[in-house]
Amino acid sequence: MNFIDTDIFVIDKLFPNDDRYENNKAFLNKAEEKFTSIFNLFELLGIASFNLNEVELMKIFKGFGETYDLKILVFV
């Protein structure tokens, strides 16, 4: 089980020129059984809201699990 924190997604979505981008992308492509929490997704959307419009944010939100082939954990 790989629980992925927000910073990995921030680099992937917003900082393609970051020195860690290639390693980051390789990890996202190779890791199996990936999980993140709904809170991490909300944090990513909050950070991205400074650079993306509402349509772009909704696209990330709706397709997040499929884009990264992961499960989003919701705590009740």
C-alpha atoms as a PDB file:
ATOM      1  CA  MET A   1       0.000   0.000   0.000  1.00  0.00           C
ATOM      2  CA  ASN A   2       1.379   3.397  -1.002  1.00  0.00           C
ATOM      3  CA  PHE A   3      -0.263   6.396   0.627  1.00  0.00           C
ATOM      4  CA  ILE A   4       0.642   9.442  -1.457  1.00  0.00           C
ATOM      5  CA  ASP A   5       0.783  12.892   0.122  1.00  0.00           C
ATOM      6  CA  THR A   6      -0.206  16.153  -1.543  1.00  0.00           C
ATOM      7  CA  ASP A   7       3.287  17.334  -2.512  1.00  0.00           C
ATOM      8  CA  ILE A   8       3.676  14.543  -5.067  1.00  0.00           C
ATOM      9  CA  PHE A   9       0.512  15.638  -6.880  1.00  0.00           C
ATOM     10  CA  VAL A  10       1.411  19.329  -6.644  1.00  0.00           C
ATOM     11  CA  ILE A  11       4.733  18.717  -8.381  1.00  0.00           C
ATOM     12  CA  ASP A  12       3.063  16.567 -11.029  1.00  0.00           C
ATOM     13  CA  LYS A  13       0.236  19.004 -11.810  1.00  0.00           C
ATOM     14  CA  LEU A  14       1.815  22.402 -11.282  1.00  0.00           C
ATOM     15  CA  PHE A  15       5.609  22.245 -11.439  1.00  0.00           C
ATOM     16  CA  PRO A  16       6.859  20.331 -14.504  1.00  0.00           C
ATOM     17  CA  ASN A  17      10.160  22.253 -14.338  1.00  0.00           C
ATOM     18  CA  ASP A  18      10.890  21.142 -10.773  1.00  0.00           C
ATOM     19  CA  ASP A  19      14.144  19.168 -10.348  1.00  0.00           C
ATOM     20  CA  ARG A  20      12.150  16.334  -8.751  1.00  0.00           C
ATOM     21  CA  TYR A  21       9.543  16.124 -11.529  1.00  0.00           C
ATOM     22  CA  GLU A  22      11.024  13.137 -13.422  1.00  0.00           C
ATOM     23  CA  ASN A  23      11.567  11.055 -10.259  1.00  0.00           C
ATOM     24  CA  ASN A  24       8.133  12.064  -9.080  1.00  0.00           C
ATOM     25  CA  LYS A  25       6.507  10.979 -12.371  1.00  0.00           C
ATOM     26  CA  ALA A  26       8.423   7.687 -12.358  1.00  0.00           C
ATOM     27  CA  PHE A  27       7.144   6.945  -8.857  1.00  0.00           C
ATOM     28  CA  LEU A  28       3.548   7.728  -9.836  1.00  0.00           C
ATOM     29  CA  ASN A  29       3.817   5.437 -12.862  1.00  0.00           C
ATOM     30  CA  LYS A  30       5.479   2.506 -11.062  1.00  0.00           C
ATOM     31  CA  ALA A  31       3.804   2.474  -7.657  1.00  0.00           C
ATOM     32  CA  GLU A  32       1.092  -0.113  -7.133  1.00  0.00           C
ATOM     33  CA  GLU A  33      -1.871  -0.021  -4.744  1.00  0.00           C
ATOM     34  CA  LYS A  34      -1.905   3.773  -4.543  1.00  0.00           C
ATOM     35  CA  PHE A  35      -4.078   5.668  -2.084  1.00  0.00           C
ATOM     36  CA  THR A  36      -4.562   9.250  -0.979  1.00  0.00           C
ATOM     37  CA  SER A  37      -7.163  10.954   1.174  1.00  0.00           C
ATOM     38  CA  ILE A  38      -9.950  13.310   0.245  1.00  0.00           C
ATOM     39  CA  PHE A  39      -8.111  15.891   2.362  1.00  0.00           C
ATOM     40  CA  ASN A  40      -5.023  15.594   0.151  1.00  0.00           C
ATOM     41  CA  LEU A  41      -7.187  16.120  -2.918  1.00  0.00           C
ATOM     42  CA  PHE A  42      -8.795  19.200  -1.365  1.00  0.00           C
ATOM     43  CA  GLU A  43      -5.358  20.534  -0.412  1.00  0.00           C
ATOM     44  CA  LEU A  44      -4.158  20.077  -4.013  1.00  0.00           C
ATOM     45  CA  LEU A  45      -7.221  21.897  -5.333  1.00  0.00           C
ATOM     46  CA  GLY A  46      -6.643  24.755  -2.881  1.00  0.00           C
ATOM     47  CA  ILE A  47      -3.045  25.148  -3.995  1.00  0.00           C
ATOM     48  CA  ALA A  48      -3.981  24.838  -7.673  1.00  0.00           C
ATOM     49  CA  SER A  49      -6.769  27.407  -7.312  1.00  0.00           C
ATOM     50  CA  PHE A  50      -4.182  30.191  -7.485  1.00  0.00           C
ATOM     51  CA  ASN A  51      -3.238  29.147 -11.042  1.00  0.00           C
ATOM     52  CA  LEU A  52      -6.214  27.294 -12.517  1.00  0.00           C
ATOM     53  CA  ASN A  53      -9.754  28.322 -13.305  1.00  0.00           C
ATOM     54  CA  GLU A  54     -12.944  26.650 -12.061  1.00  0.00           C
ATOM     55  CA  VAL A  55     -13.285  24.366 -15.089  1.00  0.00           C
ATOM     56  CA  GLU A  56      -9.687  23.132 -14.772  1.00  0.00           C
ATOM     57  CA  LEU A  57     -10.128  22.524 -11.039  1.00  0.00           C
ATOM     58  CA  MET A  58     -13.336  20.552 -11.605  1.00  0.00           C
ATOM     59  CA  LYS A  59     -11.559  18.440 -14.223  1.00  0.00           C
ATOM     60  CA  ILE A  60      -8.874  17.520 -11.682  1.00  0.00           C
ATOM     61  CA  PHE A  61     -11.473  16.795  -9.016  1.00  0.00           C
ATOM     62  CA  LYS A  62     -13.734  14.589 -11.125  1.00  0.00           C
ATOM     63  CA  GLY A  63     -11.009  12.541 -12.787  1.00  0.00           C
ATOM     64  CA  PHE A  64      -8.430  12.369 -10.028  1.00  0.00           C
ATOM     65  CA  GLY A  65      -8.749   8.697  -9.098  1.00  0.00           C
ATOM     66  CA  GLU A  66      -8.700   7.586 -12.714  1.00  0.00           C
ATOM     67  CA  THR A  67      -5.841   9.884 -13.710  1.00  0.00           C
ATOM     68  CA  TYR A  68      -3.546   8.446 -11.056  1.00  0.00           C
ATOM     69  CA  ASP A  69      -5.115   4.976 -10.868  1.00  0.00           C
ATOM     70  CA  LEU A  70      -5.597   5.289  -7.129  1.00  0.00           C
ATOM     71  CA  LYS A  71      -8.260   5.068  -4.472  1.00  0.00           C
ATOM     72  CA  ILE A  72      -9.333   8.147  -2.539  1.00  0.00           C
ATOM     73  CA  LEU A  73      -9.936   7.435   1.128  1.00  0.00           C
ATOM     74  CA  VAL A  74     -12.849   9.239   2.754  1.00  0.00           C
ATOM     75  CA  PHE A  75     -12.893   9.293   6.546  1.00  0.00           C
ATOM     76  CA  VAL A  76     -16.238   9.125   8.243  1.00  0.00           C
END
